Amino acid sequence: MFKSGRILLSAIAACFCIQIAATKSYKCSVINEAGFCFLENVVIDGVQSIQTLDLPRHPILLIKSGAIPNFSKEIYSHLPGVRLLHIYNNTVIRKMLIASSNLSEINVQRNGLLEFEVEPVENRDLKTLTIVHNAITTVPKNIRYLEGLEKLYLYNNSIEYVDLELFTNATQLKVLSLYDNRIKTLDSKQGLRFPALQTLSLSKNKLVYIPYFFEAFPVLNAISLRKNPWNCQWLESAMAHINQKAIQIARKDATCRDRWVGDICCYKTVLDFLYYLRQEDARQDRNQLLQMAQQNQELKHLLERLSESVHKLEERGK
């Protein structure tokens, strides 16, 4: 009996030691002048890894290297004192959840990230979201829950379609950077307005025009447009609006094989043909209306003269 008790205690002690040994504690390799706590070789590759995770309770963390294949919601519970989270270069991430937390800034750069999702919970704490130099192809619909966003950087990815309506809940959004993607369609609808947006970056995409551009961005003061196959007619109208509102254009096109409009290159497309066709139809309709108006005026004068002649004949008959 006594021997069995000793075996049981030894087993419990061994389990406890194993658990202690399994705990992975990360310390700041350096804290720079800006207050960033650098973490190196951070590996979180499963439930066990998350459960034994011990991260510094430092307000600004920068994970410099390692592997976190799935940055899940459970990881956020280990970041209670963190306000700014940066994950750079040599830290491999394939999937990431932007969860509701106390974080005010998340910056994910050059990680091979393929997709990100947003927890469907109202989040007013996150002010800046940066997911750049990665491989994401879509903007998740749940990004509408990030209602506190002031700056959104999604440049240098592989995004092909963006629905602007997804950002309308972020009424304080000041910067939207989408340059260097593959965006063909910037979807919008009449009535959408971004009352705080000051900077819109769209260079190096495949855009032909921006729908409702003139009314959607009332306080815009900076825009980048270069390296897009803009429709010439739209660009002419947009450039007139940009000049009238004194909106700054960041950088210009260096070369152009078709046509320049204010140092931005544009291309004549089917849309131009349809526009000019409509313009020609409108010109013809306008000429026809002018002719009809003139004919009506001549007919009016003729009727007046006939009426006057009839009146004179009636006077003579008396």
Protein backbone atom coordinates (compact mmCIF):
# COMPACT_ATOMS: atom_id res chain seq x y z
CA MET A 1 0.00 0.00 0.00
CA PHE A 2 2.77 2.38 0.96
CA LYS A 3 4.69 1.44 -2.20
CA SER A 4 1.62 2.16 -4.36
CA GLY A 5 1.27 5.58 -2.76
CA ARG A 6 4.87 6.42 -3.54
CA ILE A 7 4.37 5.38 -7.17
CA LEU A 8 1.27 7.62 -7.44
CA LEU A 9 3.08 10.62 -5.94
CA SER A 10 6.02 10.05 -8.27
CA ALA A 11 3.67 9.96 -11.27
CA ILE A 12 1.95 13.22 -10.22
CA ALA A 13 5.31 14.88 -9.68
CA ALA A 14 6.53 13.71 -13.08
CA CYS A 15 3.40 15.07 -14.79
CA PHE A 16 3.84 18.38 -12.97
CA CYS A 17 7.47 18.58 -14.05
CA ILE A 18 6.55 17.80 -17.63
CA GLN A 19 3.92 20.55 -17.59
CA ILE A 20 6.40 23.05 -16.16
CA ALA A 21 8.98 22.04 -18.74
CA ALA A 22 6.45 22.42 -21.55
CA THR A 23 5.70 26.06 -20.68
CA LYS A 24 7.28 28.27 -23.32
CA SER A 25 8.22 31.64 -21.97
CA TYR A 26 9.37 34.45 -24.30
CA LYS A 27 11.40 37.44 -23.15
CA CYS A 28 12.29 40.69 -24.89
CA SER A 29 15.62 40.27 -26.67
CA VAL A 30 15.83 44.06 -26.73
CA ILE A 31 13.62 47.06 -26.03
CA ASN A 32 14.46 49.86 -28.44
CA GLU A 33 14.15 53.62 -28.00
CA ALA A 34 10.62 53.59 -29.44
CA GLY A 35 9.55 51.15 -26.71
CA PHE A 36 9.28 48.05 -28.92
CA CYS A 37 9.87 44.75 -27.18
CA PHE A 38 11.51 42.44 -29.76
CA LEU A 39 10.62 38.75 -29.60
CA GLU A 40 12.53 36.19 -31.66
CA ASN A 41 11.77 32.62 -32.75
CA VAL A 42 8.19 32.64 -31.51
CA VAL A 43 6.61 29.30 -32.41
CA ILE A 44 2.89 28.74 -31.75
CA ASP A 45 1.77 25.70 -33.70
CA GLY A 46 -1.13 24.14 -31.85
CA VAL A 47 -3.48 24.04 -28.84
CA GLN A 48 -0.75 22.78 -26.50
CA SER A 49 1.53 25.54 -27.67
CA ILE A 50 -1.12 28.17 -26.94
CA GLN A 51 -1.99 26.77 -23.52
CA THR A 52 1.63 26.96 -22.34
CA LEU A 53 2.32 30.32 -23.97
CA ASP A 54 3.90 33.02 -21.82
CA LEU A 55 4.42 36.39 -23.53
CA PRO A 56 5.78 39.60 -21.97
CA ARG A 57 3.16 42.00 -20.63
CA HIS A 58 4.67 44.85 -22.57
CA PRO A 59 2.55 47.53 -24.31
CA ILE A 60 4.39 47.22 -27.65
CA LEU A 61 5.38 43.80 -28.96
CA LEU A 62 7.28 43.14 -32.18
CA ILE A 63 7.52 39.47 -33.14
CA LYS A 64 10.58 39.37 -35.35
CA SER A 65 10.80 35.71 -36.35
CA GLY A 66 9.23 32.30 -35.86
CA ALA A 67 6.09 30.53 -37.06
CA ILE A 68 2.43 31.03 -36.12
CA PRO A 69 0.56 29.16 -38.88
CA ASN A 70 -2.87 30.01 -37.46
CA PHE A 71 -3.07 33.21 -35.40
CA SER A 72 -6.32 32.30 -33.61
CA LYS A 73 -8.57 33.97 -31.07
CA GLU A 74 -7.03 32.02 -28.19
CA ILE A 75 -3.67 33.75 -28.68
CA TYR A 76 -5.21 37.14 -27.88
CA SER A 77 -5.87 36.04 -24.29
CA HIS A 78 -2.09 35.99 -23.81
CA LEU A 79 -1.79 39.66 -24.83
CA PRO A 80 -3.65 41.43 -21.98
CA GLY A 81 -1.22 44.30 -21.58
CA VAL A 82 -0.37 44.77 -25.25
CA ARG A 83 -1.68 47.78 -27.20
CA LEU A 84 0.49 47.63 -30.35
CA LEU A 85 1.28 44.28 -32.00
CA HIS A 86 3.71 44.11 -34.92
CA ILE A 87 4.56 40.81 -36.64
CA TYR A 88 7.34 41.15 -39.20
CA ASN A 89 9.23 39.50 -42.00
CA ASN A 90 10.50 36.12 -40.86
CA THR A 91 7.42 35.15 -38.83
CA VAL A 92 5.38 32.75 -40.96
CA ILE A 93 1.59 33.12 -40.74
CA ARG A 94 -0.91 31.55 -43.13
CA LYS A 95 -4.23 32.47 -41.50
CA MET A 96 -5.08 35.20 -38.99
CA LEU A 97 -8.11 36.27 -37.03
CA ILE A 98 -8.50 39.92 -36.07
CA ALA A 99 -10.26 39.36 -32.74
CA SER A 100 -11.94 41.81 -30.41
CA SER A 101 -9.30 42.87 -27.87
CA ASN A 102 -7.61 45.87 -26.27
CA LEU A 103 -5.19 46.21 -29.19
CA SER A 104 -5.23 49.61 -30.86
CA GLU A 105 -2.83 48.64 -33.67
CA ILE A 106 -2.02 45.44 -35.54
CA ASN A 107 0.75 45.43 -38.13
CA VAL A 108 1.44 42.27 -40.15
CA GLN A 109 4.15 42.49 -42.84
CA ARG A 110 5.80 39.98 -45.19
CA ASN A 111 4.54 36.83 -43.48
CA GLY A 112 3.13 34.85 -46.41
CA LEU A 113 -0.37 35.49 -45.03
CA LEU A 114 -3.02 33.97 -47.30
CA GLU A 115 -6.20 35.06 -45.57
CA PHE A 116 -7.49 36.99 -42.61
CA GLU A 117 -10.88 37.11 -40.94
CA VAL A 118 -12.49 39.45 -38.45
CA GLU A 119 -14.40 38.33 -35.37
CA PRO A 120 -18.07 39.37 -35.83
CA VAL A 121 -18.08 41.52 -32.70
CA GLU A 122 -18.15 45.32 -32.62
CA ASN A 123 -14.59 46.53 -32.24
CA ARG A 124 -13.95 50.22 -31.53
CA ASP A 125 -10.50 49.78 -29.93
CA LEU A 126 -8.55 48.86 -33.06
CA LYS A 127 -7.53 52.12 -34.75
CA THR A 128 -4.88 50.97 -37.24
CA LEU A 129 -4.82 47.72 -39.20
CA THR A 130 -1.87 47.05 -41.48
CA ILE A 131 -1.69 43.84 -43.54
CA VAL A 132 0.86 44.51 -46.27
CA HIS A 133 3.38 42.70 -48.48
CA ASN A 134 1.39 39.49 -48.08
CA ALA A 135 -0.74 37.28 -50.31
CA ILE A 136 -4.35 37.94 -49.30
CA THR A 137 -6.84 37.90 -52.17
CA THR A 138 -10.07 39.07 -50.51
CA VAL A 139 -11.28 41.60 -47.97
CA PRO A 140 -13.53 39.75 -45.48
CA LYS A 141 -17.10 40.97 -45.11
CA ASN A 142 -16.73 41.04 -41.32
CA ILE A 143 -14.27 43.92 -41.61
CA ARG A 144 -17.39 46.04 -41.18
CA TYR A 145 -17.18 45.21 -37.44
CA LEU A 146 -13.96 47.25 -37.10
CA GLU A 147 -15.94 50.42 -36.42
CA GLY A 148 -13.09 52.27 -34.73
CA LEU A 149 -10.66 52.06 -37.66
CA GLU A 150 -8.88 55.28 -38.56
CA LYS A 151 -6.18 53.83 -40.81
CA LEU A 152 -6.41 50.73 -43.02
CA TYR A 153 -3.37 49.60 -45.02
CA LEU A 154 -3.83 46.62 -47.36
CA TYR A 155 -1.23 47.47 -49.98
CA ASN A 156 0.97 45.03 -51.87
CA ASN A 157 -1.32 42.01 -51.77
CA SER A 158 -3.32 40.18 -54.46
CA ILE A 159 -6.79 41.66 -53.88
CA GLU A 160 -8.99 41.77 -57.00
CA TYR A 161 -12.29 43.18 -55.71
CA VAL A 162 -13.16 45.72 -53.00
CA ASP A 163 -16.65 46.67 -51.84
CA LEU A 164 -16.43 50.16 -50.35
CA GLU A 165 -19.64 49.58 -48.41
CA LEU A 166 -17.65 47.31 -46.05
CA PHE A 167 -15.87 50.38 -44.66
CA THR A 168 -18.85 52.68 -44.07
CA ASN A 169 -19.20 51.70 -40.38
CA ALA A 170 -15.71 53.10 -39.79
CA THR A 171 -16.93 56.69 -39.77
CA GLN A 172 -13.53 57.98 -38.57
CA LEU A 173 -11.54 56.26 -41.32
CA LYS A 174 -8.93 58.78 -42.48
CA VAL A 175 -6.54 56.64 -44.55
CA LEU A 176 -7.40 53.82 -46.98
CA SER A 177 -4.37 52.39 -48.76
CA LEU A 178 -5.02 49.75 -51.44
CA TYR A 179 -2.15 50.32 -53.83
CA ASP A 180 -0.21 47.55 -55.54
CA ASN A 181 -2.95 44.95 -55.73
CA ARG A 182 -4.94 43.55 -58.68
CA ILE A 183 -8.15 45.46 -58.06
CA LYS A 184 -10.39 45.59 -61.11
CA THR A 185 -13.57 46.70 -59.36
CA LEU A 186 -13.97 49.24 -56.60
CA ASP A 187 -17.64 48.65 -55.89
CA SER A 188 -19.85 51.38 -54.50
CA LYS A 189 -23.37 52.74 -54.69
CA GLN A 190 -25.07 56.07 -54.71
CA GLY A 191 -25.27 57.69 -51.28
CA LEU A 192 -22.12 56.11 -49.78
CA ARG A 193 -20.03 58.77 -48.07
CA PHE A 194 -16.76 58.65 -46.18
CA PRO A 195 -16.94 61.82 -44.08
CA ALA A 196 -13.42 61.60 -42.60
CA LEU A 197 -11.37 60.01 -45.41
CA GLN A 198 -8.41 62.24 -46.27
CA THR A 199 -6.01 59.88 -48.07
CA LEU A 200 -6.97 57.33 -50.73
CA SER A 201 -4.17 55.29 -52.30
CA LEU A 202 -5.07 53.30 -55.43
CA SER A 203 -1.90 53.19 -57.54
CA LYS A 204 -0.75 50.01 -59.31
CA ASN A 205 -4.11 48.31 -59.77
CA LYS A 206 -6.37 47.57 -62.73
CA LEU A 207 -9.00 50.23 -62.18
CA VAL A 208 -10.87 51.92 -65.02
CA TYR A 209 -12.91 54.35 -62.91
CA ILE A 210 -14.07 55.06 -59.34
CA PRO A 211 -17.85 55.02 -59.01
CA TYR A 212 -19.48 58.03 -57.28
CA PHE A 213 -16.02 59.54 -56.78
CA PHE A 214 -17.24 63.13 -56.75
CA GLU A 215 -19.68 62.79 -53.85
CA ALA A 216 -18.22 59.87 -51.83
CA PHE A 217 -15.11 61.62 -50.44
CA PRO A 218 -16.02 65.16 -49.32
CA VAL A 219 -12.81 65.89 -47.34
CA LEU A 220 -10.27 64.04 -49.49
CA ASN A 221 -6.97 65.92 -49.70
CA ALA A 222 -4.54 63.33 -51.14
CA ILE A 223 -4.93 60.57 -53.73
CA SER A 224 -2.64 58.29 -55.72
CA LEU A 225 -3.79 57.13 -59.17
CA ARG A 226 -0.77 56.12 -61.22
CA LYS A 227 -0.37 52.79 -63.02
CA ASN A 228 -4.05 52.07 -63.64
CA PRO A 229 -5.82 51.65 -67.02
CA TRP A 230 -8.09 54.64 -66.37
CA ASN A 231 -10.88 55.47 -68.77
CA CYS A 232 -9.89 58.78 -70.38
CA GLN A 233 -13.30 60.38 -70.18
CA TRP A 234 -13.71 59.50 -66.50
CA LEU A 235 -10.19 60.69 -65.73
CA GLU A 236 -10.84 64.05 -67.39
CA SER A 237 -13.89 64.59 -65.18
CA ALA A 238 -12.07 63.33 -62.09
CA MET A 239 -9.07 65.54 -62.73
CA ALA A 240 -11.30 68.61 -63.05
CA HIS A 241 -12.81 67.72 -59.67
CA ILE A 242 -9.36 67.09 -58.14
CA ASN A 243 -8.08 70.45 -59.35
CA GLN A 244 -11.19 72.27 -58.17
CA LYS A 245 -10.90 70.76 -54.67
CA ALA A 246 -7.09 71.22 -54.57
CA ILE A 247 -6.59 67.50 -53.88
CA GLN A 248 -2.93 66.53 -53.96
CA ILE A 249 -1.94 63.77 -56.39
CA ALA A 250 0.85 61.61 -54.96
CA ARG A 251 3.34 60.77 -57.71
CA LYS A 252 2.63 60.74 -61.44
CA ASP A 253 2.91 58.21 -64.23
CA ALA A 254 6.42 58.10 -65.68
CA THR A 255 5.40 56.73 -69.08
CA CYS A 256 2.24 56.54 -71.17
CA ARG A 257 1.51 54.82 -74.48
CA ASP A 258 -1.90 56.40 -75.05
CA ARG A 259 -2.95 59.70 -73.50
CA TRP A 260 -2.01 61.96 -70.59
CA VAL A 261 -4.51 63.72 -68.36
CA GLY A 262 -2.77 65.83 -65.74
CA ASP A 263 0.36 63.61 -65.74
CA ILE A 264 -1.75 60.48 -65.24
CA CYS A 265 -2.03 58.00 -68.09
CA CYS A 266 -5.40 56.87 -69.45
CA TYR A 267 -6.62 54.59 -72.21
CA LYS A 268 -9.40 54.85 -74.75
CA THR A 269 -11.76 51.95 -74.27
CA VAL A 270 -15.25 50.83 -75.21
CA LEU A 271 -16.49 53.11 -72.44
CA ASP A 272 -15.03 56.09 -74.27
CA PHE A 273 -16.74 54.98 -77.49
CA LEU A 274 -20.07 54.62 -75.68
CA TYR A 275 -19.59 57.99 -74.01
CA TYR A 276 -18.84 59.75 -77.28
CA LEU A 277 -21.74 57.89 -78.90
CA ARG A 278 -24.03 59.16 -76.16
CA GLN A 279 -22.50 62.59 -76.56
CA GLU A 280 -23.17 62.52 -80.31
CA ASP A 281 -26.73 61.33 -79.73
CA ALA A 282 -27.19 64.13 -77.22
CA ARG A 283 -25.80 66.66 -79.72
CA GLN A 284 -28.20 65.43 -82.40
CA ASP A 285 -31.11 65.51 -79.97
CA ARG A 286 -30.13 69.02 -78.95
CA ASN A 287 -30.00 70.14 -82.60
CA GLN A 288 -33.38 68.57 -83.27
CA LEU A 289 -34.85 70.35 -80.27
CA LEU A 290 -33.37 73.64 -81.46
CA GLN A 291 -34.80 73.06 -84.93
CA MET A 292 -38.21 72.19 -83.48
CA ALA A 293 -38.09 75.30 -81.28
CA GLN A 294 -37.20 77.42 -84.29
CA GLN A 295 -39.96 75.83 -86.36
CA ASN A 296 -42.42 76.37 -83.53
CA GLN A 297 -41.37 80.02 -83.35
CA GLU A 298 -41.82 80.43 -87.12
CA LEU A 299 -45.20 78.71 -86.92
CA LYS A 300 -46.19 81.03 -84.10
CA HIS A 301 -45.26 84.08 -86.18
CA LEU A 302 -47.17 82.67 -89.16
CA LEU A 303 -50.29 82.11 -87.05
CA GLU A 304 -49.99 85.63 -85.70
CA ARG A 305 -49.81 87.03 -89.25
CA LEU A 306 -52.76 84.91 -90.38
CA SER A 307 -54.76 86.02 -87.39
CA GLU A 308 -53.94 89.64 -88.18
CA SER A 309 -54.99 89.17 -91.84
CA VAL A 310 -58.28 87.55 -90.83
CA HIS A 311 -58.94 90.41 -88.46
CA LYS A 312 -58.38 92.98 -91.25
CA LEU A 313 -60.72 91.12 -93.62
CA GLU A 314 -63.41 91.07 -90.93
CA GLU A 315 -62.99 94.83 -90.44
CA ARG A 316 -63.42 95.47 -94.18
CA GLY A 317 -66.59 93.35 -94.32
CA LYS A 318 -68.22 95.54 -91.79
